Structures are given as structure tokens and as C-alpha cells.
Amino acid sequence: MERTELKAMVPHGYYKIIAQKAGTTTQTVSQFLRGNNNNVTIEIAILELLADLAEKKRGLVDRIKATN
């Protein structure tokens, strides 16, 4: 997956959460997503966050379907 795709998938305001998970700064996360540096820890933090959000969304959709 390209960084531009990752950047488009990261919700607004989540750079701080990614930075905390990766043990870095929001500026470093921003630089990574712009392609100015390589940091596997940031990449993993982003992928984990996106997977968690997708799982949460599926769970909520399932709960809504179950009530109908």
C-alpha cells in the first residue's frame, strides 16, 4: 500500500495517537506519510490503528443489523 493511500485512510486527528503508539512525534508521522522518511514502527502503528478501526466498525454494523 502506498503512503498516499495510508494518509487518505487515517482519520483526521489521529496523527497524535499514531505518534504515541510509535513512540515518536506527530511531525515525524506527518513526514513519514509525506514520504520524507522511512520508519517501520510508524508504518506498523498506522496499520494496527486502521485494522482496529475497521474491526470496530464491523462490530458496530453487526450490532445494528442484529437489532433490526
N, C-alpha and C. Protein backbone atom coordinates (compact mmCIF):
# COMPACT_ATOMS: atom_id res chain seq x y z
N MET A 1 0.85 -1.17 0.00
CA MET A 1 0.00 0.00 0.00
C MET A 1 0.90 1.24 0.00
N GLU A 2 0.54 2.17 -0.84
CA GLU A 2 1.30 3.41 -0.94
C GLU A 2 1.02 4.33 0.24
N ARG A 3 1.95 5.18 0.54
CA ARG A 3 1.77 6.10 1.67
C ARG A 3 0.63 7.08 1.44
N THR A 4 0.42 7.46 0.21
CA THR A 4 -0.69 8.38 -0.07
C THR A 4 -2.02 7.71 0.25
N GLU A 5 -2.10 6.40 -0.01
CA GLU A 5 -3.31 5.65 0.33
C GLU A 5 -3.48 5.57 1.85
N LEU A 6 -2.38 5.30 2.54
CA LEU A 6 -2.42 5.25 4.01
C LEU A 6 -2.87 6.59 4.57
N LYS A 7 -2.28 7.66 4.05
CA LYS A 7 -2.60 9.01 4.53
C LYS A 7 -4.09 9.30 4.35
N ALA A 8 -4.65 8.87 3.22
CA ALA A 8 -6.07 9.11 2.96
C ALA A 8 -6.97 8.31 3.91
N MET A 9 -6.47 7.20 4.42
CA MET A 9 -7.27 6.34 5.29
C MET A 9 -7.21 6.75 6.77
N VAL A 10 -6.18 7.52 7.14
CA VAL A 10 -6.02 7.92 8.54
C VAL A 10 -7.03 9.03 8.85
N PRO A 11 -7.91 8.80 9.83
CA PRO A 11 -8.90 9.82 10.18
C PRO A 11 -8.24 11.10 10.70
N HIS A 12 -8.92 12.20 10.50
CA HIS A 12 -8.44 13.49 10.97
C HIS A 12 -8.21 13.45 12.48
N GLY A 13 -7.07 13.93 12.91
CA GLY A 13 -6.77 14.00 14.33
C GLY A 13 -6.08 12.77 14.89
N TYR A 14 -5.77 11.78 14.07
CA TYR A 14 -5.18 10.54 14.56
C TYR A 14 -3.66 10.52 14.52
N TYR A 15 -3.03 11.55 14.01
CA TYR A 15 -1.56 11.59 13.99
C TYR A 15 -0.99 11.48 15.40
N LYS A 16 -1.65 12.13 16.36
CA LYS A 16 -1.18 12.10 17.74
C LYS A 16 -1.24 10.69 18.30
N ILE A 17 -2.32 9.98 18.02
CA ILE A 17 -2.47 8.61 18.51
C ILE A 17 -1.41 7.71 17.88
N ILE A 18 -1.17 7.89 16.58
CA ILE A 18 -0.14 7.10 15.89
C ILE A 18 1.23 7.41 16.48
N ALA A 19 1.50 8.67 16.72
CA ALA A 19 2.79 9.07 17.28
C ALA A 19 3.00 8.45 18.66
N GLN A 20 1.95 8.43 19.48
CA GLN A 20 2.06 7.82 20.80
C GLN A 20 2.33 6.33 20.70
N LYS A 21 1.63 5.65 19.80
CA LYS A 21 1.83 4.21 19.62
C LYS A 21 3.23 3.90 19.12
N ALA A 22 3.77 4.78 18.27
CA ALA A 22 5.09 4.55 17.68
C ALA A 22 6.21 5.14 18.52
N GLY A 23 5.87 5.88 19.56
CA GLY A 23 6.89 6.50 20.40
C GLY A 23 7.66 7.60 19.70
N THR A 24 6.94 8.40 18.93
CA THR A 24 7.58 9.47 18.18
C THR A 24 6.70 10.72 18.23
N THR A 25 6.95 11.66 17.36
CA THR A 25 6.19 12.91 17.34
C THR A 25 5.21 12.94 16.18
N THR A 26 4.23 13.82 16.28
CA THR A 26 3.27 13.96 15.19
C THR A 26 3.97 14.47 13.92
N GLN A 27 4.99 15.27 14.09
CA GLN A 27 5.73 15.78 12.94
C GLN A 27 6.42 14.64 12.19
N THR A 28 6.98 13.68 12.93
CA THR A 28 7.63 12.54 12.30
C THR A 28 6.60 11.68 11.56
N VAL A 29 5.42 11.52 12.14
CA VAL A 29 4.34 10.78 11.48
C VAL A 29 3.96 11.49 10.18
N SER A 30 3.81 12.79 10.24
CA SER A 30 3.47 13.58 9.06
C SER A 30 4.55 13.44 7.98
N GLN A 31 5.81 13.51 8.38
CA GLN A 31 6.91 13.36 7.43
C GLN A 31 6.90 11.97 6.80
N PHE A 32 6.61 10.96 7.60
CA PHE A 32 6.53 9.60 7.07
C PHE A 32 5.45 9.50 6.00
N LEU A 33 4.26 10.02 6.30
CA LEU A 33 3.16 9.93 5.36
C LEU A 33 3.37 10.76 4.10
N ARG A 34 4.21 11.78 4.19
CA ARG A 34 4.57 12.56 3.00
C ARG A 34 5.70 11.90 2.21
N GLY A 35 6.31 10.85 2.78
CA GLY A 35 7.39 10.14 2.09
C GLY A 35 8.77 10.72 2.35
N ASN A 36 8.89 11.55 3.40
CA ASN A 36 10.18 12.19 3.70
C ASN A 36 11.09 11.34 4.57
N ASN A 37 10.55 10.28 5.18
CA ASN A 37 11.40 9.39 5.96
C ASN A 37 10.80 7.99 5.95
N ASN A 38 11.60 7.03 6.35
CA ASN A 38 11.15 5.64 6.45
C ASN A 38 11.23 5.23 7.91
N ASN A 39 10.13 4.71 8.41
CA ASN A 39 10.09 4.29 9.80
C ASN A 39 9.09 3.14 9.91
N VAL A 40 9.61 1.94 10.07
CA VAL A 40 8.74 0.76 10.11
C VAL A 40 7.84 0.79 11.34
N THR A 41 8.28 1.38 12.43
CA THR A 41 7.47 1.46 13.64
C THR A 41 6.22 2.31 13.39
N ILE A 42 6.38 3.40 12.68
CA ILE A 42 5.23 4.25 12.35
C ILE A 42 4.30 3.51 11.39
N GLU A 43 4.85 2.83 10.42
CA GLU A 43 4.03 2.09 9.46
C GLU A 43 3.20 1.02 10.17
N ILE A 44 3.81 0.29 11.08
CA ILE A 44 3.09 -0.74 11.83
C ILE A 44 2.01 -0.11 12.71
N ALA A 45 2.32 1.01 13.36
CA ALA A 45 1.33 1.70 14.20
C ALA A 45 0.13 2.13 13.37
N ILE A 46 0.37 2.63 12.17
CA ILE A 46 -0.73 3.06 11.29
C ILE A 46 -1.57 1.86 10.88
N LEU A 47 -0.92 0.79 10.46
CA LEU A 47 -1.65 -0.39 10.01
C LEU A 47 -2.46 -1.00 11.15
N GLU A 48 -1.89 -1.05 12.36
CA GLU A 48 -2.62 -1.57 13.51
C GLU A 48 -3.83 -0.69 13.82
N LEU A 49 -3.65 0.61 13.78
CA LEU A 49 -4.75 1.54 14.04
C LEU A 49 -5.87 1.36 13.02
N LEU A 50 -5.51 1.27 11.75
CA LEU A 50 -6.52 1.10 10.71
C LEU A 50 -7.25 -0.23 10.85
N ALA A 51 -6.52 -1.28 11.23
CA ALA A 51 -7.15 -2.59 11.45
C ALA A 51 -8.12 -2.53 12.63
N ASP A 52 -7.71 -1.86 13.71
CA ASP A 52 -8.58 -1.71 14.88
C ASP A 52 -9.84 -0.93 14.53
N LEU A 53 -9.70 0.13 13.77
CA LEU A 53 -10.86 0.93 13.39
C LEU A 53 -11.81 0.14 12.50
N ALA A 54 -11.26 -0.64 11.57
CA ALA A 54 -12.10 -1.46 10.69
C ALA A 54 -12.84 -2.52 11.49
N GLU A 55 -12.17 -3.13 12.46
CA GLU A 55 -12.81 -4.15 13.30
C GLU A 55 -13.92 -3.54 14.14
N LYS A 56 -13.66 -2.37 14.69
CA LYS A 56 -14.68 -1.68 15.49
C LYS A 56 -15.90 -1.34 14.64
N LYS A 57 -15.65 -0.88 13.41
CA LYS A 57 -16.74 -0.53 12.51
C LYS A 57 -17.58 -1.77 12.18
N ARG A 58 -16.91 -2.90 11.88
CA ARG A 58 -17.64 -4.14 11.59
C ARG A 58 -18.49 -4.56 12.78
N GLY A 59 -17.95 -4.44 13.97
CA GLY A 59 -18.70 -4.79 15.18
C GLY A 59 -19.93 -3.94 15.36
N LEU A 60 -19.80 -2.65 15.13
CA LEU A 60 -20.94 -1.75 15.26
C LEU A 60 -22.00 -2.03 14.20
N VAL A 61 -21.57 -2.29 12.98
CA VAL A 61 -22.52 -2.61 11.91
C VAL A 61 -23.26 -3.91 12.25
N ASP A 62 -22.54 -4.91 12.77
CA ASP A 62 -23.17 -6.16 13.16
C ASP A 62 -24.21 -5.94 14.26
N ARG A 63 -23.88 -5.07 15.22
CA ARG A 63 -24.82 -4.78 16.32
C ARG A 63 -26.09 -4.12 15.77
N ILE A 64 -25.92 -3.22 14.81
CA ILE A 64 -27.07 -2.55 14.22
C ILE A 64 -27.93 -3.54 13.46
N LYS A 65 -27.30 -4.42 12.70
CA LYS A 65 -28.04 -5.43 11.94
C LYS A 65 -28.78 -6.38 12.87
N ALA A 66 -28.19 -6.70 14.01
CA ALA A 66 -28.81 -7.63 14.96
C ALA A 66 -30.06 -7.03 15.61
N THR A 67 -30.13 -5.71 15.71
CA THR A 67 -31.28 -5.07 16.34
C THR A 67 -32.44 -4.90 15.36
N ASN A 68 -32.18 -5.04 14.08
CA ASN A 68 -33.24 -4.86 13.07
C ASN A 68 -33.94 -6.14 12.77
